[in-house]
Amino acid sequence: MSRMSSLVCAVALLAGSLVVAANEPQPVFKSSVRTVPIYATVVDASGRLVPALEQPDFTILDNGKPADVTLFSNESQPFTAVVMLDTSASMTANLKLLNRAAEQFLLRLLPVDKAQVGAFNDKIQLSGTFTNNRDELIGALNDLYFGNPTRLNDAIATSLDALQGIDGRRVVLVFTDGEDTSSRIGFKNVLERARDEEVMVYSIGLESEYFNGMRVVRSRPSRDLRRISDETGGGYFELLKTAELAPTFSRVAQELRSQYLIGFAPSSLDGKVHKLEVKVTKPGMTVRARKSYLAAPDKPSN
């Protein structure tokens, strides 16, 4: 091969490698030092999302003591999500509306994001594999079954199982219009797992009326939804009208696109649960982020 031919080949190989690199997903941060990642949502007094804050605008307190920020990004971060929907008997009349609302979340996925969809009633169902194919995910909504009891805790636990071993930001988006009625797993268990495994839980609750075969019953969403969302830094939305479903699913997608990634290296890895508090120094703003973490040498193995 001539010298000129060798040079052409080398240039072609380099160009090909650059194309491959450009199409690869964004890398997730890894470090030899334990870094606690916090995804923070900031809103103003009117509830509008606040973009473009910088690292000095944030303060982190670890068990009440200031922690140095070692990781910061105000750019959109990729995520992997499980969208888990209550398809028990009380939702029968609203299942089409619920599916169309969930579509609004799935349509807003970016190519770097991945998701599964699932349903819970007397059974727990997942679509199978994480994908960024929005058409495939929307089609899977139509294959979800419905049943009678509401296994809310089991559904969250199954979602956490599905997210094990996945790097980066992990999210469970769960919807229900009622209380847990027949789970094998207790709420405390799923709350501690979500906290320790650093999974953000968003939850949407709906008050609804349905006929149970004897009379009209009004359902109320489980109070545990707000608790697990507050603890893990997600959002909780309680709705009174089905017309609010689609805008709320859209809002969750918007929040996930607008969050800040903040990280710090704990000064003490004592194996205990530490309280976390994230503050914004600018007035009139509210920050929502997870409230605790397990100060172990590393996250529990996923």
C-alpha atoms as a PDB file:
ATOM      1  CA  MET A   1       0.000   0.000   0.000  1.00  0.00           C
ATOM      2  CA  SER A   2       1.341   3.417  -0.904  1.00  0.00           C
ATOM      3  CA  ARG A   3       1.997   6.115   1.665  1.00  0.00           C
ATOM      4  CA  MET A   4      -0.878   8.169   0.245  1.00  0.00           C
ATOM      5  CA  SER A   5      -3.273   5.192   0.462  1.00  0.00           C
ATOM      6  CA  SER A   6      -2.254   4.600   4.096  1.00  0.00           C
ATOM      7  CA  LEU A   7      -2.943   8.211   4.919  1.00  0.00           C
ATOM      8  CA  VAL A   8      -6.405   8.073   3.304  1.00  0.00           C
ATOM      9  CA  CYS A   9      -7.275   4.928   5.246  1.00  0.00           C
ATOM     10  CA  ALA A  10      -6.131   6.466   8.518  1.00  0.00           C
ATOM     11  CA  VAL A  11      -8.250   9.562   7.937  1.00  0.00           C
ATOM     12  CA  ALA A  12     -11.271   7.430   7.081  1.00  0.00           C
ATOM     13  CA  LEU A  13     -10.870   5.349  10.237  1.00  0.00           C
ATOM     14  CA  LEU A  14     -10.561   8.485  12.367  1.00  0.00           C
ATOM     15  CA  ALA A  15     -13.680  10.015  10.793  1.00  0.00           C
ATOM     16  CA  GLY A  16     -15.601   6.810  11.390  1.00  0.00           C
ATOM     17  CA  SER A  17     -14.594   6.702  15.040  1.00  0.00           C
ATOM     18  CA  LEU A  18     -15.695  10.311  15.504  1.00  0.00           C
ATOM     19  CA  VAL A  19     -19.131   9.523  14.042  1.00  0.00           C
ATOM     20  CA  VAL A  20     -19.529   6.556  16.396  1.00  0.00           C
ATOM     21  CA  ALA A  21     -18.452   8.668  19.384  1.00  0.00           C
ATOM     22  CA  ALA A  22     -20.890  11.450  18.481  1.00  0.00           C
ATOM     23  CA  ASN A  23     -23.791   8.963  18.442  1.00  0.00           C
ATOM     24  CA  GLU A  24     -22.950   7.350  21.766  1.00  0.00           C
ATOM     25  CA  PRO A  25     -25.144   8.298  24.759  1.00  0.00           C
ATOM     26  CA  GLN A  26     -23.876  10.818  27.259  1.00  0.00           C
ATOM     27  CA  PRO A  27     -21.541   9.189  29.783  1.00  0.00           C
ATOM     28  CA  VAL A  28     -22.669   8.978  33.380  1.00  0.00           C
ATOM     29  CA  PHE A  29     -20.267  10.259  35.993  1.00  0.00           C
ATOM     30  CA  LYS A  30     -18.127   7.721  37.802  1.00  0.00           C
ATOM     31  CA  SER A  31     -15.567   8.384  40.486  1.00  0.00           C
ATOM     32  CA  SER A  32     -13.307   6.402  42.767  1.00  0.00           C
ATOM     33  CA  VAL A  33     -14.630   8.580  45.598  1.00  0.00           C
ATOM     34  CA  ARG A  34     -18.177   8.106  46.889  1.00  0.00           C
ATOM     35  CA  THR A  35     -20.252  10.932  45.435  1.00  0.00           C
ATOM     36  CA  VAL A  36     -23.844  11.478  46.529  1.00  0.00           C
ATOM     37  CA  PRO A  37     -25.867  12.731  43.534  1.00  0.00           C
ATOM     38  CA  ILE A  38     -28.835  15.021  44.149  1.00  0.00           C
ATOM     39  CA  TYR A  39     -31.330  15.980  41.447  1.00  0.00           C
ATOM     40  CA  ALA A  40     -32.978  19.236  42.465  1.00  0.00           C
ATOM     41  CA  THR A  41     -36.099  20.943  41.122  1.00  0.00           C
ATOM     42  CA  VAL A  42     -36.322  24.702  41.680  1.00  0.00           C
ATOM     43  CA  VAL A  43     -39.568  26.700  41.312  1.00  0.00           C
ATOM     44  CA  ASP A  44     -40.481  30.322  41.916  1.00  0.00           C
ATOM     45  CA  ALA A  45     -43.389  31.636  43.985  1.00  0.00           C
ATOM     46  CA  SER A  46     -45.767  30.968  41.075  1.00  0.00           C
ATOM     47  CA  GLY A  47     -44.647  27.371  40.669  1.00  0.00           C
ATOM     48  CA  ARG A  48     -42.710  28.044  37.473  1.00  0.00           C
ATOM     49  CA  LEU A  49     -39.504  26.095  36.932  1.00  0.00           C
ATOM     50  CA  VAL A  50     -36.348  28.167  37.388  1.00  0.00           C
ATOM     51  CA  PRO A  51     -33.546  27.515  34.868  1.00  0.00           C
ATOM     52  CA  ALA A  52     -29.966  28.762  34.606  1.00  0.00           C
ATOM     53  CA  LEU A  53     -28.962  28.832  38.275  1.00  0.00           C
ATOM     54  CA  GLU A  54     -25.268  28.267  38.981  1.00  0.00           C
ATOM     55  CA  GLN A  55     -23.351  26.252  41.569  1.00  0.00           C
ATOM     56  CA  PRO A  56     -22.899  29.171  44.044  1.00  0.00           C
ATOM     57  CA  ASP A  57     -26.702  29.493  44.210  1.00  0.00           C
ATOM     58  CA  PHE A  58     -26.970  26.155  46.058  1.00  0.00           C
ATOM     59  CA  THR A  59     -26.106  25.054  49.591  1.00  0.00           C
ATOM     60  CA  ILE A  60     -26.082  21.434  50.779  1.00  0.00           C
ATOM     61  CA  LEU A  61     -26.413  20.423  54.430  1.00  0.00           C
ATOM     62  CA  ASP A  62     -25.416  16.877  55.386  1.00  0.00           C
ATOM     63  CA  ASN A  63     -26.831  16.128  58.833  1.00  0.00           C
ATOM     64  CA  GLY A  64     -27.002  19.883  59.335  1.00  0.00           C
ATOM     65  CA  LYS A  65     -23.383  20.553  58.325  1.00  0.00           C
ATOM     66  CA  PRO A  66     -22.422  22.366  55.093  1.00  0.00           C
ATOM     67  CA  ALA A  67     -20.984  20.075  52.404  1.00  0.00           C
ATOM     68  CA  ASP A  68     -18.722  21.151  49.555  1.00  0.00           C
ATOM     69  CA  VAL A  69     -20.305  20.724  46.124  1.00  0.00           C
ATOM     70  CA  THR A  70     -18.024  18.528  43.997  1.00  0.00           C
ATOM     71  CA  LEU A  71     -20.387  17.952  41.069  1.00  0.00           C
ATOM     72  CA  PHE A  72     -22.726  20.393  39.359  1.00  0.00           C
ATOM     73  CA  SER A  73     -24.643  20.589  36.102  1.00  0.00           C
ATOM     74  CA  ASN A  74     -27.589  22.723  35.010  1.00  0.00           C
ATOM     75  CA  GLU A  75     -27.891  20.870  31.702  1.00  0.00           C
ATOM     76  CA  SER A  76     -30.552  18.255  30.977  1.00  0.00           C
ATOM     77  CA  GLN A  77     -29.494  14.801  32.174  1.00  0.00           C
ATOM     78  CA  PRO A  78     -30.635  11.489  30.638  1.00  0.00           C
ATOM     79  CA  PHE A  79     -32.849   9.221  32.731  1.00  0.00           C
ATOM     80  CA  THR A  80     -34.318   5.725  32.817  1.00  0.00           C
ATOM     81  CA  ALA A  81     -37.938   5.509  33.975  1.00  0.00           C
ATOM     82  CA  VAL A  82     -40.628   3.006  34.854  1.00  0.00           C
ATOM     83  CA  VAL A  83     -44.137   4.366  34.255  1.00  0.00           C
ATOM     84  CA  MET A  84     -46.396   2.262  36.505  1.00  0.00           C
ATOM     85  CA  LEU A  85     -50.180   2.717  36.180  1.00  0.00           C
ATOM     86  CA  ASP A  86     -53.042   1.621  38.426  1.00  0.00           C
ATOM     87  CA  THR A  87     -55.471  -0.388  36.277  1.00  0.00           C
ATOM     88  CA  SER A  88     -57.620  -1.747  39.101  1.00  0.00           C
ATOM     89  CA  ALA A  89     -61.434  -1.850  38.943  1.00  0.00           C
ATOM     90  CA  SER A  90     -61.897   1.736  40.161  1.00  0.00           C
ATOM     91  CA  MET A  91     -60.057   3.004  37.050  1.00  0.00           C
ATOM     92  CA  THR A  92     -62.037   0.991  34.488  1.00  0.00           C
ATOM     93  CA  ALA A  93     -64.015   3.977  33.180  1.00  0.00           C
ATOM     94  CA  ASN A  94     -60.895   6.136  32.914  1.00  0.00           C
ATOM     95  CA  LEU A  95     -58.321   3.753  31.454  1.00  0.00           C
ATOM     96  CA  LYS A  96     -58.346   5.316  27.984  1.00  0.00           C
ATOM     97  CA  LEU A  97     -57.868   8.781  29.464  1.00  0.00           C
ATOM     98  CA  LEU A  98     -55.045   7.466  31.648  1.00  0.00           C
ATOM     99  CA  ASN A  99     -53.271   5.866  28.692  1.00  0.00           C
ATOM    100  CA  ARG A 100     -53.548   9.057  26.630  1.00  0.00           C
ATOM    101  CA  ALA A 101     -52.150  11.019  29.573  1.00  0.00           C
ATOM    102  CA  ALA A 102     -49.205   8.626  29.979  1.00  0.00           C
ATOM    103  CA  GLU A 103     -48.510   9.106  26.270  1.00  0.00           C
ATOM    104  CA  GLN A 104     -47.776  12.770  26.978  1.00  0.00           C
ATOM    105  CA  PHE A 105     -44.884  11.722  29.206  1.00  0.00           C
ATOM    106  CA  LEU A 106     -43.563   9.154  26.733  1.00  0.00           C
ATOM    107  CA  LEU A 107     -43.729  11.550  23.782  1.00  0.00           C
ATOM    108  CA  ARG A 108     -41.328  13.861  25.614  1.00  0.00           C
ATOM    109  CA  LEU A 109     -38.573  11.273  25.992  1.00  0.00           C
ATOM    110  CA  LEU A 110     -35.311  12.170  24.280  1.00  0.00           C
ATOM    111  CA  PRO A 111     -33.144   9.619  22.409  1.00  0.00           C
ATOM    112  CA  VAL A 112     -30.830   9.417  25.463  1.00  0.00           C
ATOM    113  CA  ASP A 113     -33.745   8.473  27.752  1.00  0.00           C
ATOM    114  CA  LYS A 114     -35.212   4.996  28.205  1.00  0.00           C
ATOM    115  CA  ALA A 115     -38.422   3.717  29.764  1.00  0.00           C
ATOM    116  CA  GLN A 116     -40.720   0.806  30.424  1.00  0.00           C
ATOM    117  CA  VAL A 117     -44.456   0.938  31.049  1.00  0.00           C
ATOM    118  CA  GLY A 118     -46.330  -1.235  33.508  1.00  0.00           C
ATOM    119  CA  ALA A 119     -49.622  -1.786  35.279  1.00  0.00           C
ATOM    120  CA  PHE A 120     -50.738  -3.053  38.651  1.00  0.00           C
ATOM    121  CA  ASN A 121     -53.986  -4.489  40.045  1.00  0.00           C
ATOM    122  CA  ASP A 122     -54.098  -8.049  41.379  1.00  0.00           C
ATOM    123  CA  LYS A 123     -51.080  -8.653  39.126  1.00  0.00           C
ATOM    124  CA  ILE A 124     -47.952  -6.662  38.297  1.00  0.00           C
ATOM    125  CA  GLN A 125     -47.083  -6.227  34.627  1.00  0.00           C
ATOM    126  CA  LEU A 126     -44.100  -4.631  32.840  1.00  0.00           C
ATOM    127  CA  SER A 127     -43.610  -4.114  29.107  1.00  0.00           C
ATOM    128  CA  GLY A 128     -40.345  -6.056  29.194  1.00  0.00           C
ATOM    129  CA  THR A 129     -37.229  -4.065  28.324  1.00  0.00           C
ATOM    130  CA  PHE A 130     -36.095  -0.452  28.578  1.00  0.00           C
ATOM    131  CA  THR A 131     -36.221   1.349  25.258  1.00  0.00           C
ATOM    132  CA  ASN A 132     -36.158   4.854  23.797  1.00  0.00           C
ATOM    133  CA  ASN A 133     -38.653   3.842  21.081  1.00  0.00           C
ATOM    134  CA  ARG A 134     -41.638   6.038  21.900  1.00  0.00           C
ATOM    135  CA  ASP A 135     -43.977   4.308  19.437  1.00  0.00           C
ATOM    136  CA  GLU A 136     -43.162   0.939  20.984  1.00  0.00           C
ATOM    137  CA  LEU A 137     -43.805   2.260  24.492  1.00  0.00           C
ATOM    138  CA  ILE A 138     -47.107   3.901  23.529  1.00  0.00           C
ATOM    139  CA  GLY A 139     -48.182   0.672  21.834  1.00  0.00           C
ATOM    140  CA  ALA A 140     -47.373  -1.259  25.015  1.00  0.00           C
ATOM    141  CA  LEU A 141     -49.879   0.879  26.944  1.00  0.00           C
ATOM    142  CA  ASN A 142     -52.668  -0.828  25.022  1.00  0.00           C
ATOM    143  CA  ASP A 143     -51.457  -4.263  26.157  1.00  0.00           C
ATOM    144  CA  LEU A 144     -51.779  -3.530  29.889  1.00  0.00           C
ATOM    145  CA  TYR A 145     -54.321  -5.630  31.768  1.00  0.00           C
ATOM    146  CA  PHE A 146     -56.849  -4.574  34.398  1.00  0.00           C
ATOM    147  CA  GLY A 147     -58.038  -6.355  37.551  1.00  0.00           C
ATOM    148  CA  ASN A 148     -59.497  -5.793  40.997  1.00  0.00           C
ATOM    149  CA  PRO A 149     -57.170  -5.254  44.009  1.00  0.00           C
ATOM    150  CA  THR A 150     -54.520  -2.504  44.177  1.00  0.00           C
ATOM    151  CA  ARG A 151     -50.965  -3.779  44.804  1.00  0.00           C
ATOM    152  CA  LEU A 152     -49.342  -0.357  45.009  1.00  0.00           C
ATOM    153  CA  ASN A 153     -46.338  -1.248  47.186  1.00  0.00           C
ATOM    154  CA  ASP A 154     -45.605  -4.372  45.150  1.00  0.00           C
ATOM    155  CA  ALA A 155     -45.750  -2.284  41.973  1.00  0.00           C
ATOM    156  CA  ILE A 156     -43.166   0.185  43.265  1.00  0.00           C
ATOM    157  CA  ALA A 157     -40.946  -2.693  44.425  1.00  0.00           C
ATOM    158  CA  THR A 158     -41.174  -4.316  40.976  1.00  0.00           C
ATOM    159  CA  SER A 159     -40.219  -0.989  39.400  1.00  0.00           C
ATOM    160  CA  LEU A 160     -37.164  -0.763  41.674  1.00  0.00           C
ATOM    161  CA  ASP A 161     -36.201  -4.310  40.709  1.00  0.00           C
ATOM    162  CA  ALA A 162     -36.354  -3.372  37.023  1.00  0.00           C
ATOM    163  CA  LEU A 163     -34.053  -0.383  37.584  1.00  0.00           C
ATOM    164  CA  GLN A 164     -31.344  -2.372  39.359  1.00  0.00           C
ATOM    165  CA  GLY A 165     -27.967  -2.317  37.642  1.00  0.00           C
ATOM    166  CA  ILE A 166     -28.748   0.779  35.559  1.00  0.00           C
ATOM    167  CA  ASP A 167     -26.412   3.767  35.779  1.00  0.00           C
ATOM    168  CA  GLY A 168     -27.447   7.401  35.918  1.00  0.00           C
ATOM    169  CA  ARG A 169     -30.710   8.976  36.994  1.00  0.00           C
ATOM    170  CA  ARG A 170     -33.449   6.427  37.681  1.00  0.00           C
ATOM    171  CA  VAL A 171     -37.107   7.350  38.048  1.00  0.00           C
ATOM    172  CA  VAL A 172     -40.367   5.643  38.991  1.00  0.00           C
ATOM    173  CA  LEU A 173     -43.518   7.463  37.869  1.00  0.00           C
ATOM    174  CA  VAL A 174     -46.476   5.824  39.583  1.00  0.00           C
ATOM    175  CA  PHE A 175     -50.169   6.630  39.234  1.00  0.00           C
ATOM    176  CA  THR A 176     -53.054   5.442  41.433  1.00  0.00           C
ATOM    177  CA  ASP A 177     -56.509   6.531  42.533  1.00  0.00           C
ATOM    178  CA  GLY A 178     -56.608   4.464  45.717  1.00  0.00           C
ATOM    179  CA  GLU A 179     -54.958   2.879  48.718  1.00  0.00           C
ATOM    180  CA  ASP A 180     -52.887  -0.264  48.667  1.00  0.00           C
ATOM    181  CA  THR A 181     -55.205  -3.209  49.293  1.00  0.00           C
ATOM    182  CA  SER A 182     -53.259  -6.433  48.814  1.00  0.00           C
ATOM    183  CA  SER A 183     -49.486  -5.975  48.552  1.00  0.00           C
ATOM    184  CA  ARG A 184     -47.148  -8.578  49.964  1.00  0.00           C
ATOM    185  CA  ILE A 185     -44.505  -5.907  50.604  1.00  0.00           C
ATOM    186  CA  GLY A 186     -44.921  -3.146  53.192  1.00  0.00           C
ATOM    187  CA  PHE A 187     -44.575   0.543  52.436  1.00  0.00           C
ATOM    188  CA  LYS A 188     -41.594   0.971  54.775  1.00  0.00           C
ATOM    189  CA  ASN A 189     -39.660  -1.561  52.718  1.00  0.00           C
ATOM    190  CA  VAL A 190     -40.182   0.219  49.389  1.00  0.00           C
ATOM    191  CA  LEU A 191     -39.518   3.639  50.953  1.00  0.00           C
ATOM    192  CA  GLU A 192     -36.164   2.490  52.344  1.00  0.00           C
ATOM    193  CA  ARG A 193     -35.242   0.765  49.082  1.00  0.00           C
ATOM    194  CA  ALA A 194     -35.997   3.850  46.985  1.00  0.00           C
ATOM    195  CA  ARG A 195     -33.932   5.991  49.365  1.00  0.00           C
ATOM    196  CA  ASP A 196     -30.977   3.626  49.651  1.00  0.00           C
ATOM    197  CA  GLU A 197     -30.899   2.758  45.934  1.00  0.00           C
ATOM    198  CA  GLU A 198     -31.134   6.468  45.052  1.00  0.00           C
ATOM    199  CA  VAL A 199     -34.240   6.184  42.858  1.00  0.00           C
ATOM    200  CA  MET A 200     -36.476   9.231  42.430  1.00  0.00           C
ATOM    201  CA  VAL A 201     -40.212   8.519  42.770  1.00  0.00           C
ATOM    202  CA  TYR A 202     -42.785  10.766  41.140  1.00  0.00           C
ATOM    203  CA  SER A 203     -46.396  10.037  42.008  1.00  0.00           C
ATOM    204  CA  ILE A 204     -49.770  11.152  40.696  1.00  0.00           C
ATOM    205  CA  GLY A 205     -52.904  10.545  42.752  1.00  0.00           C
ATOM    206  CA  LEU A 206     -56.470  10.942  41.536  1.00  0.00           C
ATOM    207  CA  GLU A 207     -59.686  11.184  43.515  1.00  0.00           C
ATOM    208  CA  SER A 208     -62.328   9.289  41.560  1.00  0.00           C
ATOM    209  CA  GLU A 209     -65.854   7.910  41.794  1.00  0.00           C
ATOM    210  CA  TYR A 210     -66.821   4.458  40.572  1.00  0.00           C
ATOM    211  CA  PHE A 211     -69.615   1.890  40.995  1.00  0.00           C
ATOM    212  CA  ASN A 212     -68.440  -1.138  42.984  1.00  0.00           C
ATOM    213  CA  GLY A 213     -71.457  -3.277  42.065  1.00  0.00           C
ATOM    214  CA  MET A 214     -73.563  -2.048  44.971  1.00  0.00           C
ATOM    215  CA  ARG A 215     -73.072   1.691  45.291  1.00  0.00           C
ATOM    216  CA  VAL A 216     -71.026   4.640  44.086  1.00  0.00           C
ATOM    217  CA  VAL A 217     -67.708   4.827  45.960  1.00  0.00           C
ATOM    218  CA  ARG A 218     -65.295   7.738  46.084  1.00  0.00           C
ATOM    219  CA  SER A 219     -61.646   6.719  46.183  1.00  0.00           C
ATOM    220  CA  ARG A 220     -58.720   8.708  47.541  1.00  0.00           C
ATOM    221  CA  PRO A 221     -55.077   8.134  46.605  1.00  0.00           C
ATOM    222  CA  SER A 222     -52.745   6.665  49.184  1.00  0.00           C
ATOM    223  CA  ARG A 223     -51.092   9.136  51.553  1.00  0.00           C
ATOM    224  CA  ASP A 224     -47.895   7.141  51.139  1.00  0.00           C
ATOM    225  CA  LEU A 225     -47.461   8.621  47.662  1.00  0.00           C
ATOM    226  CA  ARG A 226     -46.598  12.064  48.980  1.00  0.00           C
ATOM    227  CA  ARG A 227     -44.251  10.609  51.578  1.00  0.00           C
ATOM    228  CA  ILE A 228     -42.167   8.533  49.170  1.00  0.00           C
ATOM    229  CA  SER A 229     -42.028  11.368  46.623  1.00  0.00           C
ATOM    230  CA  ASP A 230     -40.930  13.900  49.235  1.00  0.00           C
ATOM    231  CA  GLU A 231     -38.285  11.579  50.613  1.00  0.00           C
ATOM    232  CA  THR A 232     -36.748  10.738  47.234  1.00  0.00           C
ATOM    233  CA  GLY A 233     -36.949  14.211  45.657  1.00  0.00           C
ATOM    234  CA  GLY A 234     -39.700  13.495  43.153  1.00  0.00           C
ATOM    235  CA  GLY A 235     -42.953  15.400  42.939  1.00  0.00           C
ATOM    236  CA  TYR A 236     -46.426  14.523  44.201  1.00  0.00           C
ATOM    237  CA  PHE A 237     -49.523  15.685  42.341  1.00  0.00           C
ATOM    238  CA  GLU A 238     -53.035  15.079  43.698  1.00  0.00           C
ATOM    239  CA  LEU A 239     -55.766  15.581  41.111  1.00  0.00           C
ATOM    240  CA  LEU A 240     -59.533  16.053  41.389  1.00  0.00           C
ATOM    241  CA  LYS A 241     -60.372  15.832  37.688  1.00  0.00           C
ATOM    242  CA  THR A 242     -59.344  13.411  34.953  1.00  0.00           C
ATOM    243  CA  ALA A 243     -58.843  16.434  32.682  1.00  0.00           C
ATOM    244  CA  GLU A 244     -55.766  17.233  34.795  1.00  0.00           C
ATOM    245  CA  LEU A 245     -54.088  13.913  33.988  1.00  0.00           C
ATOM    246  CA  ALA A 246     -52.432  14.789  30.669  1.00  0.00           C
ATOM    247  CA  PRO A 247     -51.036  18.170  31.806  1.00  0.00           C
ATOM    248  CA  THR A 248     -49.640  16.525  34.941  1.00  0.00           C
ATOM    249  CA  PHE A 249     -47.818  13.748  33.075  1.00  0.00           C
ATOM    250  CA  SER A 250     -46.417  16.473  30.805  1.00  0.00           C
ATOM    251  CA  ARG A 251     -45.310  18.463  33.850  1.00  0.00           C
ATOM    252  CA  VAL A 252     -43.345  15.507  35.201  1.00  0.00           C
ATOM    253  CA  ALA A 253     -41.466  15.216  31.907  1.00  0.00           C
ATOM    254  CA  GLN A 254     -40.795  18.952  31.965  1.00  0.00           C
ATOM    255  CA  GLU A 255     -39.412  18.778  35.499  1.00  0.00           C
ATOM    256  CA  LEU A 256     -37.096  15.896  34.653  1.00  0.00           C
ATOM    257  CA  ARG A 257     -35.712  17.956  31.776  1.00  0.00           C
ATOM    258  CA  SER A 258     -35.164  20.981  34.053  1.00  0.00           C
ATOM    259  CA  GLN A 259     -33.482  19.536  37.144  1.00  0.00           C
ATOM    260  CA  TYR A 260     -30.055  20.425  38.491  1.00  0.00           C
ATOM    261  CA  LEU A 261     -27.505  17.719  39.204  1.00  0.00           C
ATOM    262  CA  ILE A 262     -25.557  18.480  42.385  1.00  0.00           C
ATOM    263  CA  GLY A 263     -23.116  16.128  44.078  1.00  0.00           C
ATOM    264  CA  PHE A 264     -20.901  16.054  47.137  1.00  0.00           C
ATOM    265  CA  ALA A 265     -18.424  13.713  48.804  1.00  0.00           C
ATOM    266  CA  PRO A 266     -19.584  12.771  52.335  1.00  0.00           C
ATOM    267  CA  SER A 267     -17.104  13.450  55.110  1.00  0.00           C
ATOM    268  CA  SER A 268     -18.303  10.390  57.011  1.00  0.00           C
ATOM    269  CA  LEU A 269     -19.291   7.010  55.586  1.00  0.00           C
ATOM    270  CA  ASP A 270     -20.689   5.553  58.776  1.00  0.00           C
ATOM    271  CA  GLY A 271     -23.318   3.284  57.227  1.00  0.00           C
ATOM    272  CA  LYS A 272     -26.135   5.366  58.694  1.00  0.00           C
ATOM    273  CA  VAL A 273     -28.974   7.311  57.108  1.00  0.00           C
ATOM    274  CA  HIS A 274     -28.062  11.005  56.907  1.00  0.00           C
ATOM    275  CA  LYS A 275     -30.493  13.877  56.575  1.00  0.00           C
ATOM    276  CA  LEU A 276     -30.061  16.054  53.508  1.00  0.00           C
ATOM    277  CA  GLU A 277     -31.171  19.620  52.946  1.00  0.00           C
ATOM    278  CA  VAL A 278     -30.659  21.595  49.752  1.00  0.00           C
ATOM    279  CA  LYS A 279     -31.171  25.354  49.807  1.00  0.00           C
ATOM    280  CA  VAL A 280     -31.183  28.053  47.134  1.00  0.00           C
ATOM    281  CA  THR A 281     -29.611  31.340  48.137  1.00  0.00           C
ATOM    282  CA  LYS A 282     -31.788  33.472  45.857  1.00  0.00           C
ATOM    283  CA  PRO A 283     -35.000  34.742  47.512  1.00  0.00           C
ATOM    284  CA  GLY A 284     -38.486  33.666  46.461  1.00  0.00           C
ATOM    285  CA  MET A 285     -37.414  30.231  45.235  1.00  0.00           C
ATOM    286  CA  THR A 286     -38.199  26.764  46.537  1.00  0.00           C
ATOM    287  CA  VAL A 287     -36.046  23.715  45.949  1.00  0.00           C
ATOM    288  CA  ARG A 288     -37.255  20.117  45.980  1.00  0.00           C
ATOM    289  CA  ALA A 289     -34.660  17.365  46.426  1.00  0.00           C
ATOM    290  CA  ARG A 290     -34.266  14.111  48.286  1.00  0.00           C
ATOM    291  CA  LYS A 291     -34.184  14.399  52.050  1.00  0.00           C
ATOM    292  CA  SER A 292     -31.779  11.651  53.047  1.00  0.00           C
ATOM    293  CA  TYR A 293     -29.194   9.156  51.861  1.00  0.00           C
ATOM    294  CA  LEU A 294     -27.427   6.058  53.133  1.00  0.00           C
ATOM    295  CA  ALA A 295     -23.835   7.009  54.006  1.00  0.00           C
ATOM    296  CA  ALA A 296     -22.336   3.693  52.913  1.00  0.00           C
ATOM    297  CA  PRO A 297     -18.973   3.339  51.106  1.00  0.00           C
ATOM    298  CA  ASP A 298     -20.989   2.786  47.958  1.00  0.00           C
ATOM    299  CA  LYS A 299     -24.617   2.417  46.976  1.00  0.00           C
ATOM    300  CA  PRO A 300     -26.106  -1.001  47.707  1.00  0.00           C
ATOM    301  CA  SER A 301     -25.230  -3.284  44.830  1.00  0.00           C
ATOM    302  CA  ASN A 302     -27.873  -3.128  42.125  1.00  0.00           C
END
